[in-house]
Amino acid sequence: MHWRCPICRKATDTERHTDFPFCSERCRLIDLGNWASEKYKVSEPAAATTQPEDLEPENHEQRNRRT
């Protein structure tokens, strides 16, 4: 798989670089430092999910009977 290093944008691939998707250990450590210093943030979940325990038991049973 061919890719570009997310830090320096050099070409990288899974067969040649053990630090894939980074081109080197240096770029991998820079990325780790960015996460540690909170330069990257996950703003919100990609999709809202409803867990079965969030449903009321009777609603869950009624839903199963309909299907």
PDB file of N, CA and C in Angstrom:
ATOM      1  N   MET A   1       0.842  -1.176   0.000  1.00  0.00           N
ATOM      2  CA  MET A   1       0.000   0.000   0.000  1.00  0.00           C
ATOM      3  C   MET A   1       0.892   1.245   0.000  1.00  0.00           C
ATOM      4  N   HIS A   2       0.676   2.121  -0.935  1.00  0.00           N
ATOM      5  CA  HIS A   2       1.453   3.361  -1.025  1.00  0.00           C
ATOM      6  C   HIS A   2       0.683   4.480  -0.341  1.00  0.00           C
ATOM      7  N   TRP A   3       1.413   5.338   0.362  1.00  0.00           N
ATOM      8  CA  TRP A   3       0.798   6.356   1.190  1.00  0.00           C
ATOM      9  C   TRP A   3       1.762   7.521   1.311  1.00  0.00           C
ATOM     10  N   ARG A   4       1.315   8.620   1.876  1.00  0.00           N
ATOM     11  CA  ARG A   4       2.200   9.744   2.189  1.00  0.00           C
ATOM     12  C   ARG A   4       2.277   9.887   3.697  1.00  0.00           C
ATOM     13  N   CYS A   5       3.469  10.117   4.192  1.00  0.00           N
ATOM     14  CA  CYS A   5       3.670  10.315   5.625  1.00  0.00           C
ATOM     15  C   CYS A   5       2.827  11.504   6.082  1.00  0.00           C
ATOM     16  N   PRO A   6       2.014  11.345   7.120  1.00  0.00           N
ATOM     17  CA  PRO A   6       1.153  12.442   7.563  1.00  0.00           C
ATOM     18  C   PRO A   6       1.927  13.633   8.152  1.00  0.00           C
ATOM     19  N   ILE A   7       3.193  13.444   8.486  1.00  0.00           N
ATOM     20  CA  ILE A   7       3.992  14.534   9.071  1.00  0.00           C
ATOM     21  C   ILE A   7       4.784  15.281   8.002  1.00  0.00           C
ATOM     22  N   CYS A   8       5.612  14.574   7.234  1.00  0.00           N
ATOM     23  CA  CYS A   8       6.498  15.246   6.279  1.00  0.00           C
ATOM     24  C   CYS A   8       6.050  15.095   4.824  1.00  0.00           C
ATOM     25  N   ARG A   9       5.043  14.268   4.566  1.00  0.00           N
ATOM     26  CA  ARG A   9       4.455  14.052   3.239  1.00  0.00           C
ATOM     27  C   ARG A   9       5.352  13.272   2.273  1.00  0.00           C
ATOM     28  N   LYS A  10       6.422  12.623   2.749  1.00  0.00           N
ATOM     29  CA  LYS A  10       7.243  11.757   1.895  1.00  0.00           C
ATOM     30  C   LYS A  10       6.449  10.503   1.546  1.00  0.00           C
ATOM     31  N   ALA A  11       6.772   9.918   0.408  1.00  0.00           N
ATOM     32  CA  ALA A  11       6.126   8.665   0.020  1.00  0.00           C
ATOM     33  C   ALA A  11       6.555   7.557   0.974  1.00  0.00           C
ATOM     34  N   THR A  12       5.598   6.714   1.334  1.00  0.00           N
ATOM     35  CA  THR A  12       5.885   5.595   2.233  1.00  0.00           C
ATOM     36  C   THR A  12       5.012   4.410   1.830  1.00  0.00           C
ATOM     37  N   ASP A  13       5.420   3.224   2.192  1.00  0.00           N
ATOM     38  CA  ASP A  13       4.578   2.055   1.913  1.00  0.00           C
ATOM     39  C   ASP A  13       4.795   0.986   2.981  1.00  0.00           C
ATOM     40  N   THR A  14       3.876   0.043   3.023  1.00  0.00           N
ATOM     41  CA  THR A  14       3.891  -0.977   4.073  1.00  0.00           C
ATOM     42  C   THR A  14       5.066  -1.936   3.953  1.00  0.00           C
ATOM     43  N   GLU A  15       5.569  -2.136   2.759  1.00  0.00           N
ATOM     44  CA  GLU A  15       6.650  -3.102   2.562  1.00  0.00           C
ATOM     45  C   GLU A  15       8.025  -2.564   2.945  1.00  0.00           C
ATOM     46  N   ARG A  16       8.249  -1.282   2.765  1.00  0.00           N
ATOM     47  CA  ARG A  16       9.579  -0.715   3.016  1.00  0.00           C
ATOM     48  C   ARG A  16       9.739  -0.064   4.378  1.00  0.00           C
ATOM     49  N   HIS A  17       8.673   0.471   4.943  1.00  0.00           N
ATOM     50  CA  HIS A  17       8.795   1.248   6.169  1.00  0.00           C
ATOM     51  C   HIS A  17       8.132   0.541   7.345  1.00  0.00           C
ATOM     52  N   THR A  18       8.936   0.213   8.342  1.00  0.00           N
ATOM     53  CA  THR A  18       8.403  -0.470   9.520  1.00  0.00           C
ATOM     54  C   THR A  18       7.544   0.456  10.373  1.00  0.00           C
ATOM     55  N   ASP A  19       7.679   1.756  10.204  1.00  0.00           N
ATOM     56  CA  ASP A  19       6.904   2.735  10.969  1.00  0.00           C
ATOM     57  C   ASP A  19       5.665   3.202  10.212  1.00  0.00           C
ATOM     58  N   PHE A  20       5.230   2.439   9.202  1.00  0.00           N
ATOM     59  CA  PHE A  20       4.072   2.813   8.400  1.00  0.00           C
ATOM     60  C   PHE A  20       2.890   3.155   9.299  1.00  0.00           C
ATOM     61  N   PRO A  21       2.156   4.232   9.028  1.00  0.00           N
ATOM     62  CA  PRO A  21       2.100   5.057   7.831  1.00  0.00           C
ATOM     63  C   PRO A  21       3.130   6.181   7.808  1.00  0.00           C
ATOM     64  N   PHE A  22       4.014   6.210   8.802  1.00  0.00           N
ATOM     65  CA  PHE A  22       5.056   7.235   8.841  1.00  0.00           C
ATOM     66  C   PHE A  22       6.275   6.737   8.083  1.00  0.00           C
ATOM     67  N   CYS A  23       7.089   7.667   7.618  1.00  0.00           N
ATOM     68  CA  CYS A  23       8.271   7.273   6.851  1.00  0.00           C
ATOM     69  C   CYS A  23       9.448   6.921   7.752  1.00  0.00           C
ATOM     70  N   SER A  24       9.395   7.350   9.016  1.00  0.00           N
ATOM     71  CA  SER A  24      10.521   7.100   9.917  1.00  0.00           C
ATOM     72  C   SER A  24      10.047   7.143  11.371  1.00  0.00           C
ATOM     73  N   GLU A  25      10.929   6.696  12.246  1.00  0.00           N
ATOM     74  CA  GLU A  25      10.631   6.763  13.683  1.00  0.00           C
ATOM     75  C   GLU A  25      10.484   8.219  14.121  1.00  0.00           C
ATOM     76  N   ARG A  26      11.274   9.106  13.529  1.00  0.00           N
ATOM     77  CA  ARG A  26      11.209  10.531  13.859  1.00  0.00           C
ATOM     78  C   ARG A  26       9.797  11.081  13.639  1.00  0.00           C
ATOM     79  N   CYS A  27       9.232  10.814  12.461  1.00  0.00           N
ATOM     80  CA  CYS A  27       7.881  11.309  12.167  1.00  0.00           C
ATOM     81  C   CYS A  27       6.845  10.662  13.076  1.00  0.00           C
ATOM     82  N   ARG A  28       7.035   9.375  13.397  1.00  0.00           N
ATOM     83  CA  ARG A  28       6.122   8.681  14.305  1.00  0.00           C
ATOM     84  C   ARG A  28       6.149   9.336  15.675  1.00  0.00           C
ATOM     85  N   LEU A  29       7.326   9.690  16.168  1.00  0.00           N
ATOM     86  CA  LEU A  29       7.454  10.329  17.485  1.00  0.00           C
ATOM     87  C   LEU A  29       6.907  11.761  17.481  1.00  0.00           C
ATOM     88  N   ILE A  30       7.070  12.473  16.384  1.00  0.00           N
ATOM     89  CA  ILE A  30       6.479  13.814  16.268  1.00  0.00           C
ATOM     90  C   ILE A  30       4.961  13.711  16.386  1.00  0.00           C
ATOM     91  N   ASP A  31       4.379  12.733  15.703  1.00  0.00           N
ATOM     92  CA  ASP A  31       2.938  12.529  15.761  1.00  0.00           C
ATOM     93  C   ASP A  31       2.490  12.176  17.182  1.00  0.00           C
ATOM     94  N   LEU A  32       3.217  11.308  17.841  1.00  0.00           N
ATOM     95  CA  LEU A  32       2.900  10.949  19.226  1.00  0.00           C
ATOM     96  C   LEU A  32       2.964  12.175  20.125  1.00  0.00           C
ATOM     97  N   GLY A  33       3.971  13.009  19.936  1.00  0.00           N
ATOM     98  CA  GLY A  33       4.090  14.248  20.700  1.00  0.00           C
ATOM     99  C   GLY A  33       2.925  15.194  20.449  1.00  0.00           C
ATOM    100  N   ASN A  34       2.450  15.250  19.211  1.00  0.00           N
ATOM    101  CA  ASN A  34       1.291  16.090  18.899  1.00  0.00           C
ATOM    102  C   ASN A  34       0.053  15.617  19.654  1.00  0.00           C
ATOM    103  N   TRP A  35      -0.142  14.307  19.737  1.00  0.00           N
ATOM    104  CA  TRP A  35      -1.275  13.785  20.509  1.00  0.00           C
ATOM    105  C   TRP A  35      -1.090  14.089  21.991  1.00  0.00           C
ATOM    106  N   ALA A  36       0.118  13.882  22.502  1.00  0.00           N
ATOM    107  CA  ALA A  36       0.386  14.090  23.932  1.00  0.00           C
ATOM    108  C   ALA A  36       0.207  15.553  24.339  1.00  0.00           C
ATOM    109  N   SER A  37       0.538  16.479  23.453  1.00  0.00           N
ATOM    110  CA  SER A  37       0.400  17.900  23.769  1.00  0.00           C
ATOM    111  C   SER A  37      -0.974  18.451  23.380  1.00  0.00           C
ATOM    112  N   GLU A  38      -1.872  17.531  22.988  1.00  0.00           N
ATOM    113  CA  GLU A  38      -3.255  17.864  22.641  1.00  0.00           C
ATOM    114  C   GLU A  38      -3.394  18.802  21.436  1.00  0.00           C
ATOM    115  N   LYS A  39      -2.471  18.690  20.484  1.00  0.00           N
ATOM    116  CA  LYS A  39      -2.616  19.433  19.235  1.00  0.00           C
ATOM    117  C   LYS A  39      -3.699  18.815  18.361  1.00  0.00           C
ATOM    118  N   TYR A  40      -3.928  17.511  18.532  1.00  0.00           N
ATOM    119  CA  TYR A  40      -4.996  16.821  17.829  1.00  0.00           C
ATOM    120  C   TYR A  40      -6.128  16.610  18.824  1.00  0.00           C
ATOM    121  N   LYS A  41      -7.357  16.755  18.349  1.00  0.00           N
ATOM    122  CA  LYS A  41      -8.506  16.535  19.215  1.00  0.00           C
ATOM    123  C   LYS A  41      -9.590  15.810  18.440  1.00  0.00           C
ATOM    124  N   VAL A  42     -10.271  14.915  19.111  1.00  0.00           N
ATOM    125  CA  VAL A  42     -11.435  14.255  18.548  1.00  0.00           C
ATOM    126  C   VAL A  42     -12.620  15.055  19.050  1.00  0.00           C
ATOM    127  N   SER A  43     -13.317  15.730  18.141  1.00  0.00           N
ATOM    128  CA  SER A  43     -14.344  16.682  18.546  1.00  0.00           C
ATOM    129  C   SER A  43     -15.615  16.017  19.054  1.00  0.00           C
ATOM    130  N   GLU A  44     -16.117  15.022  18.343  1.00  0.00           N
ATOM    131  CA  GLU A  44     -17.333  14.342  18.756  1.00  0.00           C
ATOM    132  C   GLU A  44     -17.414  13.005  18.043  1.00  0.00           C
ATOM    133  N   PRO A  45     -18.243  12.101  18.529  1.00  0.00           N
ATOM    134  CA  PRO A  45     -18.355  10.797  17.857  1.00  0.00           C
ATOM    135  C   PRO A  45     -18.842  10.948  16.419  1.00  0.00           C
ATOM    136  N   ALA A  46     -18.407  10.054  15.565  1.00  0.00           N
ATOM    137  CA  ALA A  46     -18.802  10.096  14.159  1.00  0.00           C
ATOM    138  C   ALA A  46     -20.288   9.795  13.983  1.00  0.00           C
ATOM    139  N   ALA A  47     -20.822   8.910  14.830  1.00  0.00           N
ATOM    140  CA  ALA A  47     -22.242   8.561  14.739  1.00  0.00           C
ATOM    141  C   ALA A  47     -22.766   8.267  16.142  1.00  0.00           C
ATOM    142  N   ALA A  48     -23.958   8.715  16.395  1.00  0.00           N
ATOM    143  CA  ALA A  48     -24.573   8.432  17.689  1.00  0.00           C
ATOM    144  C   ALA A  48     -25.019   6.974  17.706  1.00  0.00           C
ATOM    145  N   THR A  49     -24.763   6.314  18.814  1.00  0.00           N
ATOM    146  CA  THR A  49     -25.174   4.919  18.938  1.00  0.00           C
ATOM    147  C   THR A  49     -26.064   4.760  20.160  1.00  0.00           C
ATOM    148  N   THR A  50     -27.011   3.886  20.062  1.00  0.00           N
ATOM    149  CA  THR A  50     -27.880   3.570  21.179  1.00  0.00           C
ATOM    150  C   THR A  50     -27.573   2.154  21.622  1.00  0.00           C
ATOM    151  N   GLN A  51     -27.207   2.021  22.863  1.00  0.00           N
ATOM    152  CA  GLN A  51     -26.908   0.713  23.415  1.00  0.00           C
ATOM    153  C   GLN A  51     -28.201   0.043  23.856  1.00  0.00           C
ATOM    154  N   PRO A  52     -28.300  -1.283  23.777  1.00  0.00           N
ATOM    155  CA  PRO A  52     -29.516  -1.979  24.201  1.00  0.00           C
ATOM    156  C   PRO A  52     -29.914  -1.666  25.637  1.00  0.00           C
ATOM    157  N   GLU A  53     -28.948  -1.447  26.527  1.00  0.00           N
ATOM    158  CA  GLU A  53     -29.295  -1.143  27.912  1.00  0.00           C
ATOM    159  C   GLU A  53     -29.926   0.238  28.065  1.00  0.00           C
ATOM    160  N   ASP A  54     -29.813   1.092  27.023  1.00  0.00           N
ATOM    161  CA  ASP A  54     -30.439   2.408  27.058  1.00  0.00           C
ATOM    162  C   ASP A  54     -31.943   2.325  26.780  1.00  0.00           C
ATOM    163  N   LEU A  55     -32.384   1.216  26.189  1.00  0.00           N
ATOM    164  CA  LEU A  55     -33.802   1.051  25.876  1.00  0.00           C
ATOM    165  C   LEU A  55     -34.543   0.531  27.102  1.00  0.00           C
ATOM    166  N   GLU A  56     -35.781   0.945  27.252  1.00  0.00           N
ATOM    167  CA  GLU A  56     -36.591   0.417  28.336  1.00  0.00           C
ATOM    168  C   GLU A  56     -36.906  -1.041  28.005  1.00  0.00           C
ATOM    169  N   PRO A  57     -36.944  -1.923  29.012  1.00  0.00           N
ATOM    170  CA  PRO A  57     -37.158  -3.350  28.738  1.00  0.00           C
ATOM    171  C   PRO A  57     -38.435  -3.633  27.952  1.00  0.00           C
ATOM    172  N   GLU A  58     -39.556  -2.988  28.295  1.00  0.00           N
ATOM    173  CA  GLU A  58     -40.793  -3.293  27.574  1.00  0.00           C
ATOM    174  C   GLU A  58     -40.720  -2.846  26.120  1.00  0.00           C
ATOM    175  N   ASN A  59     -40.069  -1.719  25.840  1.00  0.00           N
ATOM    176  CA  ASN A  59     -39.920  -1.274  24.453  1.00  0.00           C
ATOM    177  C   ASN A  59     -39.055  -2.245  23.653  1.00  0.00           C
ATOM    178  N   HIS A  60     -38.033  -2.746  24.284  1.00  0.00           N
ATOM    179  CA  HIS A  60     -37.133  -3.699  23.630  1.00  0.00           C
ATOM    180  C   HIS A  60     -37.877  -4.987  23.306  1.00  0.00           C
ATOM    181  N   GLU A  61     -38.716  -5.483  24.229  1.00  0.00           N
ATOM    182  CA  GLU A  61     -39.493  -6.694  24.000  1.00  0.00           C
ATOM    183  C   GLU A  61     -40.514  -6.482  22.901  1.00  0.00           C
ATOM    184  N   GLN A  62     -41.183  -5.333  22.903  1.00  0.00           N
ATOM    185  CA  GLN A  62     -42.195  -5.043  21.873  1.00  0.00           C
ATOM    186  C   GLN A  62     -41.528  -4.979  20.509  1.00  0.00           C
ATOM    187  N   ARG A  63     -40.362  -4.410  20.450  1.00  0.00           N
ATOM    188  CA  ARG A  63     -39.652  -4.295  19.184  1.00  0.00           C
ATOM    189  C   ARG A  63     -39.302  -5.678  18.643  1.00  0.00           C
ATOM    190  N   ASN A  64     -38.891  -6.595  19.546  1.00  0.00           N
ATOM    191  CA  ASN A  64     -38.562  -7.954  19.115  1.00  0.00           C
ATOM    192  C   ASN A  64     -39.777  -8.712  18.618  1.00  0.00           C
ATOM    193  N   ARG A  65     -40.948  -8.471  19.191  1.00  0.00           N
ATOM    194  CA  ARG A  65     -42.166  -9.173  18.768  1.00  0.00           C
ATOM    195  C   ARG A  65     -42.592  -8.738  17.367  1.00  0.00           C
ATOM    196  N   ARG A  66     -42.347  -7.485  17.033  1.00  0.00           N
ATOM    197  CA  ARG A  66     -42.760  -6.970  15.726  1.00  0.00           C
ATOM    198  C   ARG A  66     -41.948  -7.546  14.593  1.00  0.00           C
ATOM    199  N   THR A  67     -40.710  -7.884  14.866  1.00  0.00           N
ATOM    200  CA  THR A  67     -39.818  -8.352  13.781  1.00  0.00           C
ATOM    201  C   THR A  67     -39.889  -9.832  13.585  1.00  0.00           C
TER     202      THR A  67
END
